[in-house]
């Protein structure tokens, strides 16, 4: 579906470095986001992973079969909300669960999109 994207909202208690670690973990499954969190003063960071030019959504990319590259460790808990197609949200959740200790804090489903909130722990 052209124009499909995965949007990630991060609320790190430890600052931009923790938000960057989460984004790096997702890059292994979704490619580079529109921008990487950088402002240590921000309390909320966002990153958008857009569809490929050929129309494939982020969740349609083949998995690399390995652990997320460069995920790193978290210094404090991070609340993450992922929003997109059900497949993209599922893959993002699985990718984050493979990189961090996660707690599922709920899912909301719409007609064509899904939203899931996770708590990532150090």
PDB file of N, CA and C in Angstrom:
ATOM      1  N   UNK A   1       0.848  -1.173   0.000  1.00  0.00           N
ATOM      2  CA  UNK A   1       0.000   0.000   0.000  1.00  0.00           C
ATOM      3  C   UNK A   1       0.891   1.233   0.000  1.00  0.00           C
ATOM      4  N   UNK A   2       0.959   1.974  -1.070  1.00  0.00           N
ATOM      5  CA  UNK A   2       1.797   3.164  -1.127  1.00  0.00           C
ATOM      6  C   UNK A   2       1.424   4.149  -0.028  1.00  0.00           C
ATOM      7  N   UNK A   3       2.451   4.827   0.526  1.00  0.00           N
ATOM      8  CA  UNK A   3       2.209   5.808   1.559  1.00  0.00           C
ATOM      9  C   UNK A   3       2.123   5.223   2.954  1.00  0.00           C
ATOM     10  N   UNK A   4       2.245   3.906   3.070  1.00  0.00           N
ATOM     11  CA  UNK A   4       2.193   3.273   4.378  1.00  0.00           C
ATOM     12  C   UNK A   4       3.450   3.634   5.148  1.00  0.00           C
ATOM     13  N   UNK A   5       3.310   3.816   6.440  1.00  0.00           N
ATOM     14  CA  UNK A   5       4.473   4.138   7.247  1.00  0.00           C
ATOM     15  C   UNK A   5       4.293   3.585   8.649  1.00  0.00           C
ATOM     16  N   UNK A   6       5.396   3.516   9.366  1.00  0.00           N
ATOM     17  CA  UNK A   6       5.393   3.159  10.776  1.00  0.00           C
ATOM     18  C   UNK A   6       5.851   4.407  11.515  1.00  0.00           C
ATOM     19  N   UNK A   7       5.060   4.853  12.467  1.00  0.00           N
ATOM     20  CA  UNK A   7       5.410   6.009  13.283  1.00  0.00           C
ATOM     21  C   UNK A   7       5.706   5.517  14.691  1.00  0.00           C
ATOM     22  N   UNK A   8       6.817   5.977  15.239  1.00  0.00           N
ATOM     23  CA  UNK A   8       7.249   5.572  16.569  1.00  0.00           C
ATOM     24  C   UNK A   8       7.361   6.821  17.433  1.00  0.00           C
ATOM     25  N   UNK A   9       6.696   6.803  18.574  1.00  0.00           N
ATOM     26  CA  UNK A   9       6.778   7.888  19.543  1.00  0.00           C
ATOM     27  C   UNK A   9       7.476   7.336  20.774  1.00  0.00           C
ATOM     28  N   UNK A  10       8.517   8.022  21.223  1.00  0.00           N
ATOM     29  CA  UNK A  10       9.328   7.547  22.341  1.00  0.00           C
ATOM     30  C   UNK A  10       9.324   8.565  23.462  1.00  0.00           C
ATOM     31  N   UNK A  11       9.157   8.088  24.681  1.00  0.00           N
ATOM     32  CA  UNK A  11       9.237   8.941  25.863  1.00  0.00           C
ATOM     33  C   UNK A  11      10.279   8.341  26.800  1.00  0.00           C
ATOM     34  N   UNK A  12      11.557   8.657  26.553  1.00  0.00           N
ATOM     35  CA  UNK A  12      12.615   8.080  27.383  1.00  0.00           C
ATOM     36  C   UNK A  12      12.798   8.862  28.672  1.00  0.00           C
ATOM     37  N   UNK A  13      12.988   8.147  29.771  1.00  0.00           N
ATOM     38  CA  UNK A  13      13.296   8.809  31.026  1.00  0.00           C
ATOM     39  C   UNK A  13      14.770   9.168  31.100  1.00  0.00           C
ATOM     40  N   UNK A  14      15.578   8.547  30.221  1.00  0.00           N
ATOM     41  CA  UNK A  14      17.020   8.747  30.272  1.00  0.00           C
ATOM     42  C   UNK A  14      17.583   9.680  29.218  1.00  0.00           C
ATOM     43  N   UNK A  15      16.763  10.234  28.335  1.00  0.00           N
ATOM     44  CA  UNK A  15      17.255  11.192  27.361  1.00  0.00           C
ATOM     45  C   UNK A  15      17.336  10.655  25.947  1.00  0.00           C
ATOM     46  N   UNK A  16      17.921  11.480  25.081  1.00  0.00           N
ATOM     47  CA  UNK A  16      17.968  11.182  23.651  1.00  0.00           C
ATOM     48  C   UNK A  16      18.771   9.932  23.333  1.00  0.00           C
ATOM     49  N   UNK A  17      19.799   9.614  24.109  1.00  0.00           N
ATOM     50  CA  UNK A  17      20.613   8.421  23.830  1.00  0.00           C
ATOM     51  C   UNK A  17      19.757   7.152  23.900  1.00  0.00           C
ATOM     52  N   UNK A  18      18.832   7.100  24.831  1.00  0.00           N
ATOM     53  CA  UNK A  18      17.947   5.930  24.917  1.00  0.00           C
ATOM     54  C   UNK A  18      16.993   5.886  23.727  1.00  0.00           C
ATOM     55  N   UNK A  19      16.469   7.035  23.321  1.00  0.00           N
ATOM     56  CA  UNK A  19      15.594   7.084  22.143  1.00  0.00           C
ATOM     57  C   UNK A  19      16.367   6.643  20.899  1.00  0.00           C
ATOM     58  N   UNK A  20      17.621   7.065  20.784  1.00  0.00           N
ATOM     59  CA  UNK A  20      18.456   6.666  19.651  1.00  0.00           C
ATOM     60  C   UNK A  20      18.693   5.159  19.639  1.00  0.00           C
ATOM     61  N   UNK A  21      18.888   4.557  20.805  1.00  0.00           N
ATOM     62  CA  UNK A  21      19.096   3.106  20.885  1.00  0.00           C
ATOM     63  C   UNK A  21      17.873   2.352  20.370  1.00  0.00           C
ATOM     64  N   UNK A  22      16.688   2.844  20.687  1.00  0.00           N
ATOM     65  CA  UNK A  22      15.456   2.207  20.225  1.00  0.00           C
ATOM     66  C   UNK A  22      15.330   2.337  18.706  1.00  0.00           C
ATOM     67  N   UNK A  23      15.592   3.513  18.181  1.00  0.00           N
ATOM     68  CA  UNK A  23      15.511   3.732  16.732  1.00  0.00           C
ATOM     69  C   UNK A  23      16.524   2.844  16.007  1.00  0.00           C
ATOM     70  N   UNK A  24      17.754   2.749  16.536  1.00  0.00           N
ATOM     71  CA  UNK A  24      18.767   1.886  15.914  1.00  0.00           C
ATOM     72  C   UNK A  24      18.299   0.433  15.885  1.00  0.00           C
ATOM     73  N   UNK A  25      17.631  -0.010  16.921  1.00  0.00           N
ATOM     74  CA  UNK A  25      17.122  -1.386  16.945  1.00  0.00           C
ATOM     75  C   UNK A  25      16.106  -1.604  15.823  1.00  0.00           C
ATOM     76  N   UNK A  26      15.266  -0.613  15.578  1.00  0.00           N
ATOM     77  CA  UNK A  26      14.234  -0.744  14.542  1.00  0.00           C
ATOM     78  C   UNK A  26      14.805  -0.641  13.127  1.00  0.00           C
ATOM     79  N   UNK A  27      15.942   0.013  12.968  1.00  0.00           N
ATOM     80  CA  UNK A  27      16.542   0.168  11.637  1.00  0.00           C
ATOM     81  C   UNK A  27      16.864  -1.172  10.988  1.00  0.00           C
ATOM     82  N   UNK A  28      17.170  -2.199  11.782  1.00  0.00           N
ATOM     83  CA  UNK A  28      17.500  -3.502  11.203  1.00  0.00           C
ATOM     84  C   UNK A  28      16.313  -4.109  10.471  1.00  0.00           C
ATOM     85  N   UNK A  29      15.112  -3.767  10.885  1.00  0.00           N
ATOM     86  CA  UNK A  29      13.910  -4.313  10.251  1.00  0.00           C
ATOM     87  C   UNK A  29      13.225  -3.328   9.315  1.00  0.00           C
ATOM     88  N   UNK A  30      13.448  -2.027   9.509  1.00  0.00           N
ATOM     89  CA  UNK A  30      12.678  -1.015   8.785  1.00  0.00           C
ATOM     90  C   UNK A  30      13.505  -0.027   7.975  1.00  0.00           C
ATOM     91  N   UNK A  31      14.826  -0.076   8.063  1.00  0.00           N
ATOM     92  CA  UNK A  31      15.642   0.911   7.372  1.00  0.00           C
ATOM     93  C   UNK A  31      15.731   2.193   8.186  1.00  0.00           C
ATOM     94  N   UNK A  32      16.311   3.212   7.597  1.00  0.00           N
ATOM     95  CA  UNK A  32      16.525   4.474   8.301  1.00  0.00           C
ATOM     96  C   UNK A  32      15.229   5.267   8.441  1.00  0.00           C
ATOM     97  N   UNK A  33      15.034   5.923   9.593  1.00  0.00           N
ATOM     98  CA  UNK A  33      13.853   6.768   9.781  1.00  0.00           C
ATOM     99  C   UNK A  33      14.056   8.132   9.138  1.00  0.00           C
ATOM    100  N   UNK A  34      13.010   8.960   9.186  1.00  0.00           N
ATOM    101  CA  UNK A  34      13.098  10.311   8.640  1.00  0.00           C
ATOM    102  C   UNK A  34      14.135  11.147   9.384  1.00  0.00           C
ATOM    103  N   UNK A  35      14.247  10.974  10.686  1.00  0.00           N
ATOM    104  CA  UNK A  35      15.296  11.633  11.463  1.00  0.00           C
ATOM    105  C   UNK A  35      15.497  10.868  12.764  1.00  0.00           C
ATOM    106  N   UNK A  36      16.687  11.031  13.324  1.00  0.00           N
ATOM    107  CA  UNK A  36      17.056  10.334  14.554  1.00  0.00           C
ATOM    108  C   UNK A  36      16.908  11.300  15.721  1.00  0.00           C
ATOM    109  N   UNK A  37      16.330  10.839  16.844  1.00  0.00           N
ATOM    110  CA  UNK A  37      16.194  11.720  18.010  1.00  0.00           C
ATOM    111  C   UNK A  37      17.553  12.289  18.424  1.00  0.00           C
ATOM    112  N   UNK A  38      17.585  13.591  18.734  1.00  0.00           N
ATOM    113  CA  UNK A  38      18.858  14.218  19.067  1.00  0.00           C
ATOM    114  C   UNK A  38      18.783  15.211  20.221  1.00  0.00           C
ATOM    115  N   UNK A  39      17.624  15.780  20.494  1.00  0.00           N
ATOM    116  CA  UNK A  39      17.508  16.848  21.481  1.00  0.00           C
ATOM    117  C   UNK A  39      17.341  16.268  22.882  1.00  0.00           C
ATOM    118  N   UNK A  40      18.365  16.416  23.729  1.00  0.00           N
ATOM    119  CA  UNK A  40      18.297  15.893  25.099  1.00  0.00           C
ATOM    120  C   UNK A  40      17.253  16.608  25.953  1.00  0.00           C
ATOM    121  N   UNK A  41      16.841  17.785  25.542  1.00  0.00           N
ATOM    122  CA  UNK A  41      15.841  18.532  26.324  1.00  0.00           C
ATOM    123  C   UNK A  41      14.422  18.062  26.037  1.00  0.00           C
ATOM    124  N   UNK A  42      14.223  17.352  24.924  1.00  0.00           N
ATOM    125  CA  UNK A  42      12.876  16.893  24.552  1.00  0.00           C
ATOM    126  C   UNK A  42      12.422  15.768  25.474  1.00  0.00           C
ATOM    127  N   UNK A  43      11.145  15.783  25.796  1.00  0.00           N
ATOM    128  CA  UNK A  43      10.582  14.702  26.613  1.00  0.00           C
ATOM    129  C   UNK A  43       9.907  13.644  25.750  1.00  0.00           C
ATOM    130  N   UNK A  44       9.613  13.984  24.500  1.00  0.00           N
ATOM    131  CA  UNK A  44       9.011  13.045  23.554  1.00  0.00           C
ATOM    132  C   UNK A  44       9.768  13.155  22.229  1.00  0.00           C
ATOM    133  N   UNK A  45      10.096  12.010  21.659  1.00  0.00           N
ATOM    134  CA  UNK A  45      10.773  11.957  20.365  1.00  0.00           C
ATOM    135  C   UNK A  45       9.901  11.159  19.406  1.00  0.00           C
ATOM    136  N   UNK A  46       9.964  11.488  18.126  1.00  0.00           N
ATOM    137  CA  UNK A  46       9.249  10.704  17.123  1.00  0.00           C
ATOM    138  C   UNK A  46      10.209  10.331  15.996  1.00  0.00           C
ATOM    139  N   UNK A  47       9.906   9.203  15.371  1.00  0.00           N
ATOM    140  CA  UNK A  47      10.639   8.762  14.185  1.00  0.00           C
ATOM    141  C   UNK A  47       9.625   8.109  13.267  1.00  0.00           C
ATOM    142  N   UNK A  48       9.742   8.378  11.984  1.00  0.00           N
ATOM    143  CA  UNK A  48       8.838   7.800  10.990  1.00  0.00           C
ATOM    144  C   UNK A  48       9.650   6.978  10.006  1.00  0.00           C
ATOM    145  N   UNK A  49       9.231   5.754   9.823  1.00  0.00           N
ATOM    146  CA  UNK A  49       9.837   4.860   8.846  1.00  0.00           C
ATOM    147  C   UNK A  49       8.865   4.796   7.676  1.00  0.00           C
ATOM    148  N   UNK A  50       9.247   5.365   6.523  1.00  0.00           N
ATOM    149  CA  UNK A  50       8.346   5.492   5.375  1.00  0.00           C
ATOM    150  C   UNK A  50       8.393   4.241   4.502  1.00  0.00           C
ATOM    151  N   UNK A  51       7.384   4.123   3.643  1.00  0.00           N
ATOM    152  CA  UNK A  51       7.342   3.033   2.673  1.00  0.00           C
ATOM    153  C   UNK A  51       8.482   3.204   1.684  1.00  0.00           C
ATOM    154  N   UNK A  52       8.951   2.085   1.154  1.00  0.00           N
ATOM    155  CA  UNK A  52       9.952   2.116   0.092  1.00  0.00           C
ATOM    156  C   UNK A  52       9.358   2.782  -1.142  1.00  0.00           C
ATOM    157  N   UNK A  53      10.205   3.292  -2.032  1.00  0.00           N
ATOM    158  CA  UNK A  53       9.705   3.888  -3.276  1.00  0.00           C
ATOM    159  C   UNK A  53       8.865   2.914  -4.100  1.00  0.00           C
ATOM    160  N   UNK A  54       9.138   1.602  -3.964  1.00  0.00           N
ATOM    161  CA  UNK A  54       8.353   0.631  -4.730  1.00  0.00           C
ATOM    162  C   UNK A  54       7.015   0.316  -4.064  1.00  0.00           C
ATOM    163  N   UNK A  55       6.724   1.003  -2.940  1.00  0.00           N
ATOM    164  CA  UNK A  55       5.427   0.848  -2.301  1.00  0.00           C
ATOM    165  C   UNK A  55       5.393  -0.167  -1.173  1.00  0.00           C
ATOM    166  N   UNK A  56       6.507  -0.870  -0.923  1.00  0.00           N
ATOM    167  CA  UNK A  56       6.498  -1.826   0.178  1.00  0.00           C
ATOM    168  C   UNK A  56       6.454  -1.066   1.497  1.00  0.00           C
ATOM    169  N   UNK A  57       5.631  -1.522   2.402  1.00  0.00           N
ATOM    170  CA  UNK A  57       5.571  -0.880   3.714  1.00  0.00           C
ATOM    171  C   UNK A  57       6.745  -1.368   4.541  1.00  0.00           C
ATOM    172  N   UNK A  58       7.068  -0.676   5.630  1.00  0.00           N
ATOM    173  CA  UNK A  58       8.178  -1.098   6.468  1.00  0.00           C
ATOM    174  C   UNK A  58       8.036  -2.548   6.921  1.00  0.00           C
ATOM    175  N   UNK A  59       6.853  -2.992   7.236  1.00  0.00           N
ATOM    176  CA  UNK A  59       6.644  -4.354   7.703  1.00  0.00           C
ATOM    177  C   UNK A  59       6.798  -5.395   6.627  1.00  0.00           C
ATOM    178  N   UNK A  60       6.882  -4.991   5.344  1.00  0.00           N
ATOM    179  CA  UNK A  60       7.042  -5.938   4.249  1.00  0.00           C
ATOM    180  C   UNK A  60       8.498  -6.287   3.974  1.00  0.00           C
ATOM    181  N   UNK A  61       9.441  -5.593   4.607  1.00  0.00           N
ATOM    182  CA  UNK A  61      10.846  -5.885   4.368  1.00  0.00           C
ATOM    183  C   UNK A  61      11.176  -7.244   4.954  1.00  0.00           C
ATOM    184  N   UNK A  62      12.013  -8.014   4.284  1.00  0.00           N
ATOM    185  CA  UNK A  62      12.381  -9.310   4.836  1.00  0.00           C
ATOM    186  C   UNK A  62      13.193  -9.145   6.108  1.00  0.00           C
ATOM    187  N   UNK A  63      12.961 -10.025   7.063  1.00  0.00           N
ATOM    188  CA  UNK A  63      13.730  -9.993   8.300  1.00  0.00           C
ATOM    189  C   UNK A  63      15.141 -10.489   8.021  1.00  0.00           C
ATOM    190  N   UNK A  64      16.120  -9.931   8.730  1.00  0.00           N
ATOM    191  CA  UNK A  64      17.488 -10.362   8.509  1.00  0.00           C
ATOM    192  C   UNK A  64      17.819 -11.610   9.305  1.00  0.00           C
ATOM    193  N   UNK A  65      16.918 -12.040  10.185  1.00  0.00           N
ATOM    194  CA  UNK A  65      17.109 -13.272  10.926  1.00  0.00           C
ATOM    195  C   UNK A  65      18.034 -13.136  12.119  1.00  0.00           C
ATOM    196  N   UNK A  66      18.668 -11.998  12.303  1.00  0.00           N
ATOM    197  CA  UNK A  66      19.588 -11.821  13.410  1.00  0.00           C
ATOM    198  C   UNK A  66      19.070 -10.813  14.410  1.00  0.00           C
ATOM    199  N   UNK A  67      19.879 -10.583  15.414  1.00  0.00           N
ATOM    200  CA  UNK A  67      19.516  -9.599  16.425  1.00  0.00           C
ATOM    201  C   UNK A  67      19.637  -8.205  15.831  1.00  0.00           C
ATOM    202  N   UNK A  68      18.867  -7.258  16.345  1.00  0.00           N
ATOM    203  CA  UNK A  68      18.974  -5.892  15.861  1.00  0.00           C
ATOM    204  C   UNK A  68      20.398  -5.374  16.015  1.00  0.00           C
ATOM    205  N   UNK A  69      20.873  -4.669  15.008  1.00  0.00           N
ATOM    206  CA  UNK A  69      22.235  -4.172  14.998  1.00  0.00           C
ATOM    207  C   UNK A  69      22.322  -2.870  15.789  1.00  0.00           C
ATOM    208  N   UNK A  70      23.297  -2.783  16.680  1.00  0.00           N
ATOM    209  CA  UNK A  70      23.574  -1.538  17.371  1.00  0.00           C
ATOM    210  C   UNK A  70      22.493  -1.074  18.323  1.00  0.00           C
ATOM    211  N   UNK A  71      21.680  -1.992  18.846  1.00  0.00           N
ATOM    212  CA  UNK A  71      20.593  -1.584  19.719  1.00  0.00           C
ATOM    213  C   UNK A  71      21.109  -0.955  21.000  1.00  0.00           C
ATOM    214  N   UNK A  72      22.146  -1.523  21.581  1.00  0.00           N
ATOM    215  CA  UNK A  72      22.711  -0.956  22.791  1.00  0.00           C
ATOM    216  C   UNK A  72      21.862  -1.236  24.011  1.00  0.00           C
ATOM    217  N   UNK A  73      22.197  -0.566  25.080  1.00  0.00           N
ATOM    218  CA  UNK A  73      21.485  -0.727  26.345  1.00  0.00           C
ATOM    219  C   UNK A  73      20.773   0.564  26.680  1.00  0.00           C
ATOM    220  N   UNK A  74      19.748   0.439  27.487  1.00  0.00           N
ATOM    221  CA  UNK A  74      19.000   1.610  27.942  1.00  0.00           C
ATOM    222  C   UNK A  74      19.477   2.005  29.328  1.00  0.00           C
ATOM    223  N   UNK A  75      19.516   3.303  29.594  1.00  0.00           N
ATOM    224  CA  UNK A  75      19.902   3.778  30.920  1.00  0.00           C
ATOM    225  C   UNK A  75      18.696   3.903  31.844  1.00  0.00           C
ATOM    226  N   UNK A  76      17.510   3.969  31.256  1.00  0.00           N
ATOM    227  CA  UNK A  76      16.271   4.135  32.014  1.00  0.00           C
ATOM    228  C   UNK A  76      15.117   3.600  31.160  1.00  0.00           C
ATOM    229  N   UNK A  77      13.937   3.390  31.758  1.00  0.00           N
ATOM    230  CA  UNK A  77      12.790   2.909  30.977  1.00  0.00           C
ATOM    231  C   UNK A  77      12.399   3.878  29.859  1.00  0.00           C
ATOM    232  N   UNK A  78      11.881   3.314  28.770  1.00  0.00           N
ATOM    233  CA  UNK A  78      11.416   4.091  27.628  1.00  0.00           C
ATOM    234  C   UNK A  78      10.014   3.600  27.271  1.00  0.00           C
ATOM    235  N   UNK A  79       9.060   4.519  27.212  1.00  0.00           N
ATOM    236  CA  UNK A  79       7.726   4.188  26.729  1.00  0.00           C
ATOM    237  C   UNK A  79       7.710   4.410  25.227  1.00  0.00           C
ATOM    238  N   UNK A  80       7.306   3.376  24.473  1.00  0.00           N
ATOM    239  CA  UNK A  80       7.305   3.430  23.018  1.00  0.00           C
ATOM    240  C   UNK A  80       5.895   3.160  22.511  1.00  0.00           C
ATOM    241  N   UNK A  81       5.413   3.992  21.622  1.00  0.00           N
ATOM    242  CA  UNK A  81       4.150   3.753  20.935  1.00  0.00           C
ATOM    243  C   UNK A  81       4.470   3.582  19.463  1.00  0.00           C
ATOM    244  N   UNK A  82       4.065   2.441  18.886  1.00  0.00           N
ATOM    245  CA  UNK A  82       4.261   2.195  17.456  1.00  0.00           C
ATOM    246  C   UNK A  82       2.895   2.197  16.789  1.00  0.00           C
ATOM    247  N   UNK A  83       2.804   2.846  15.638  1.00  0.00           N
ATOM    248  CA  UNK A  83       1.541   2.969  14.926  1.00  0.00           C
ATOM    249  C   UNK A  83       1.783   2.732  13.445  1.00  0.00           C
ATOM    250  N   UNK A  84       0.949   1.889  12.835  1.00  0.00           N
ATOM    251  CA  UNK A  84       1.052   1.607  11.410  1.00  0.00           C
ATOM    252  C   UNK A  84       0.166   0.430  11.044  1.00  0.00           C
ATOM    253  N   UNK A  85       0.498  -0.238   9.946  1.00  0.00           N
ATOM    254  CA  UNK A  85      -0.275  -1.412   9.556  1.00  0.00           C
ATOM    255  C   UNK A  85      -0.092  -2.482  10.627  1.00  0.00           C
ATOM    256  N   UNK A  86      -1.051  -3.389  10.762  1.00  0.00           N
ATOM    257  CA  UNK A  86      -0.895  -4.452  11.762  1.00  0.00           C
ATOM    258  C   UNK A  86       0.412  -5.235  11.609  1.00  0.00           C
ATOM    259  N   UNK A  87       0.829  -5.508  10.356  1.00  0.00           N
ATOM    260  CA  UNK A  87       2.068  -6.252  10.144  1.00  0.00           C
ATOM    261  C   UNK A  87       3.283  -5.440  10.579  1.00  0.00           C
ATOM    262  N   UNK A  88       3.310  -4.150  10.265  1.00  0.00           N
ATOM    263  CA  UNK A  88       4.437  -3.308  10.663  1.00  0.00           C
ATOM    264  C   UNK A  88       4.509  -3.179  12.182  1.00  0.00           C
ATOM    265  N   UNK A  89       3.372  -3.041  12.829  1.00  0.00           N
ATOM    266  CA  UNK A  89       3.340  -2.933  14.293  1.00  0.00           C
ATOM    267  C   UNK A  89       3.806  -4.242  14.925  1.00  0.00           C
ATOM    268  N   UNK A  90       3.376  -5.364  14.364  1.00  0.00           N
ATOM    269  CA  UNK A  90       3.797  -6.674  14.883  1.00  0.00           C
ATOM    270  C   UNK A  90       5.307  -6.824  14.754  1.00  0.00           C
ATOM    271  N   UNK A  91       5.837  -6.495  13.582  1.00  0.00           N
ATOM    272  CA  UNK A  91       7.287  -6.635  13.367  1.00  0.00           C
ATOM    273  C   UNK A  91       8.076  -5.683  14.252  1.00  0.00           C
ATOM    274  N   UNK A  92       7.593  -4.471  14.435  1.00  0.00           N
ATOM    275  CA  UNK A  92       8.280  -3.530  15.325  1.00  0.00           C
ATOM    276  C   UNK A  92       8.284  -4.071  16.749  1.00  0.00           C
ATOM    277  N   UNK A  93       7.156  -4.594  17.191  1.00  0.00           N
ATOM    278  CA  UNK A  93       7.061  -5.148  18.548  1.00  0.00           C
ATOM    279  C   UNK A  93       8.010  -6.326  18.725  1.00  0.00           C
ATOM    280  N   UNK A  94       8.066  -7.203  17.726  1.00  0.00           N
ATOM    281  CA  UNK A  94       8.966  -8.357  17.788  1.00  0.00           C
ATOM    282  C   UNK A  94      10.428  -7.919  17.777  1.00  0.00           C
ATOM    283  N   UNK A  95      10.748  -6.937  16.961  1.00  0.00           N
ATOM    284  CA  UNK A  95      12.120  -6.433  16.886  1.00  0.00           C
ATOM    285  C   UNK A  95      12.540  -5.840  18.228  1.00  0.00           C
ATOM    286  N   UNK A  96      11.668  -5.038  18.826  1.00  0.00           N
ATOM    287  CA  UNK A  96      11.994  -4.425  20.114  1.00  0.00           C
ATOM    288  C   UNK A  96      12.086  -5.472  21.219  1.00  0.00           C
ATOM    289  N   UNK A  97      11.219  -6.482  21.174  1.00  0.00           N
ATOM    290  CA  UNK A  97      11.272  -7.551  22.175  1.00  0.00           C
ATOM    291  C   UNK A  97      12.562  -8.360  22.057  1.00  0.00           C
ATOM    292  N   UNK A  98      13.117  -8.447  20.849  1.00  0.00           N
ATOM    293  CA  UNK A  98      14.379  -9.144  20.658  1.00  0.00           C
ATOM    294  C   UNK A  98      15.586  -8.347  21.123  1.00  0.00           C
ATOM    295  N   UNK A  99      15.425  -7.036  21.244  1.00  0.00           N
ATOM    296  CA  UNK A  99      16.540  -6.165  21.616  1.00  0.00           C
ATOM    297  C   UNK A  99      16.502  -5.708  23.069  1.00  0.00           C
ATOM    298  N   UNK A 100      15.308  -5.641  23.640  1.00  0.00           N
ATOM    299  CA  UNK A 100      15.144  -5.093  24.991  1.00  0.00           C
ATOM    300  C   UNK A 100      14.160  -5.947  25.784  1.00  0.00           C
ATOM    301  N   UNK A 101      14.153  -5.739  27.086  1.00  0.00           N
ATOM    302  CA  UNK A 101      13.107  -6.309  27.931  1.00  0.00           C
ATOM    303  C   UNK A 101      11.873  -5.446  27.738  1.00  0.00           C
ATOM    304  N   UNK A 102      10.763  -6.055  27.288  1.00  0.00           N
ATOM    305  CA  UNK A 102       9.566  -5.272  26.971  1.00  0.00           C
ATOM    306  C   UNK A 102       8.368  -5.729  27.782  1.00  0.00           C
ATOM    307  N   UNK A 103       7.487  -4.797  28.043  1.00  0.00           N
ATOM    308  CA  UNK A 103       6.179  -5.073  28.642  1.00  0.00           C
ATOM    309  C   UNK A 103       5.127  -4.460  27.734  1.00  0.00           C
ATOM    310  N   UNK A 104       4.202  -5.273  27.285  1.00  0.00           N
ATOM    311  CA  UNK A 104       3.120  -4.794  26.428  1.00  0.00           C
ATOM    312  C   UNK A 104       2.129  -4.045  27.299  1.00  0.00           C
ATOM    313  N   UNK A 105       1.865  -2.792  26.955  1.00  0.00           N
ATOM    314  CA  UNK A 105       0.952  -1.974  27.747  1.00  0.00           C
ATOM    315  C   UNK A 105      -0.368  -1.706  27.037  1.00  0.00           C
ATOM    316  N   UNK A 106      -0.612  -2.421  25.938  1.00  0.00           N
ATOM    317  CA  UNK A 106      -1.920  -2.298  25.307  1.00  0.00           C
ATOM    318  C   UNK A 106      -1.847  -2.050  23.818  1.00  0.00           C
ATOM    319  N   UNK A 107      -2.943  -2.426  23.160  1.00  0.00           N
ATOM    320  CA  UNK A 107      -3.068  -2.294  21.713  1.00  0.00           C
ATOM    321  C   UNK A 107      -4.425  -1.706  21.389  1.00  0.00           C
ATOM    322  N   UNK A 108      -4.453  -0.848  20.391  1.00  0.00           N
ATOM    323  CA  UNK A 108      -5.715  -0.320  19.858  1.00  0.00           C
ATOM    324  C   UNK A 108      -5.699  -0.561  18.354  1.00  0.00           C
ATOM    325  N   UNK A 109      -6.783  -1.103  17.842  1.00  0.00           N
ATOM    326  CA  UNK A 109      -6.867  -1.399  16.411  1.00  0.00           C
ATOM    327  C   UNK A 109      -7.918  -0.534  15.748  1.00  0.00           C
ATOM    328  N   UNK A 110      -7.566  -0.049  14.580  1.00  0.00           N
ATOM    329  CA  UNK A 110      -8.505   0.706  13.766  1.00  0.00           C
ATOM    330  C   UNK A 110      -8.863  -0.112  12.542  1.00  0.00           C
ATOM    331  N   UNK A 111      -9.412   0.559  11.552  1.00  0.00           N
ATOM    332  CA  UNK A 111      -9.834  -0.113  10.332  1.00  0.00           C
ATOM    333  C   UNK A 111      -8.653  -0.691   9.567  1.00  0.00           C
ATOM    334  N   UNK A 112      -7.589   0.099   9.391  1.00  0.00           N
ATOM    335  CA  UNK A 112      -6.427  -0.350   8.627  1.00  0.00           C
ATOM    336  C   UNK A 112      -5.111  -0.153   9.372  1.00  0.00           C
ATOM    337  N   UNK A 113      -5.172   0.424  10.551  1.00  0.00           N
ATOM    338  CA  UNK A 113      -3.965   0.668  11.326  1.00  0.00           C
ATOM    339  C   UNK A 113      -4.109   0.106  12.727  1.00  0.00           C
ATOM    340  N   UNK A 114      -2.961  -0.035  13.361  1.00  0.00           N
ATOM    341  CA  UNK A 114      -2.924  -0.530  14.728  1.00  0.00           C
ATOM    342  C   UNK A 114      -1.941   0.326  15.506  1.00  0.00           C
ATOM    343  N   UNK A 115      -2.164   0.418  16.811  1.00  0.00           N
ATOM    344  CA  UNK A 115      -1.254   1.138  17.694  1.00  0.00           C
ATOM    345  C   UNK A 115      -0.956   0.244  18.879  1.00  0.00           C
ATOM    346  N   UNK A 116       0.305   0.177  19.265  1.00  0.00           N
ATOM    347  CA  UNK A 116       0.696  -0.631  20.428  1.00  0.00           C
ATOM    348  C   UNK A 116       1.650   0.190  21.274  1.00  0.00           C
ATOM    349  N   UNK A 117       1.457   0.107  22.585  1.00  0.00           N
ATOM    350  CA  UNK A 117       2.349   0.791  23.507  1.00  0.00           C
ATOM    351  C   UNK A 117       3.162  -0.254  24.260  1.00  0.00           C
ATOM    352  N   UNK A 118       4.457  -0.026  24.320  1.00  0.00           N
ATOM    353  CA  UNK A 118       5.381  -0.927  25.015  1.00  0.00           C
ATOM    354  C   UNK A 118       6.200  -0.136  26.018  1.00  0.00           C
ATOM    355  N   UNK A 119       6.566  -0.789  27.107  1.00  0.00           N
ATOM    356  CA  UNK A 119       7.515  -0.214  28.048  1.00  0.00           C
ATOM    357  C   UNK A 119       8.792  -1.017  27.896  1.00  0.00           C
ATOM    358  N   UNK A 120       9.877  -0.353  27.521  1.00  0.00           N
ATOM    359  CA  UNK A 120      11.176  -0.987  27.388  1.00  0.00           C
ATOM    360  C   UNK A 120      11.952  -0.701  28.661  1.00  0.00           C
ATOM    361  N   UNK A 121      12.526  -1.764  29.236  1.00  0.00           N
ATOM    362  CA  UNK A 121      13.238  -1.611  30.494  1.00  0.00           C
ATOM    363  C   UNK A 121      14.738  -1.857  30.326  1.00  0.00           C
ATOM    364  N   UNK A 122      15.556  -1.173  31.122  1.00  0.00           N
ATOM    365  CA  UNK A 122      17.007  -1.369  31.014  1.00  0.00           C
ATOM    366  C   UNK A 122      17.418  -2.774  31.453  1.00  0.00           C
TER     367      UNK A 122
END
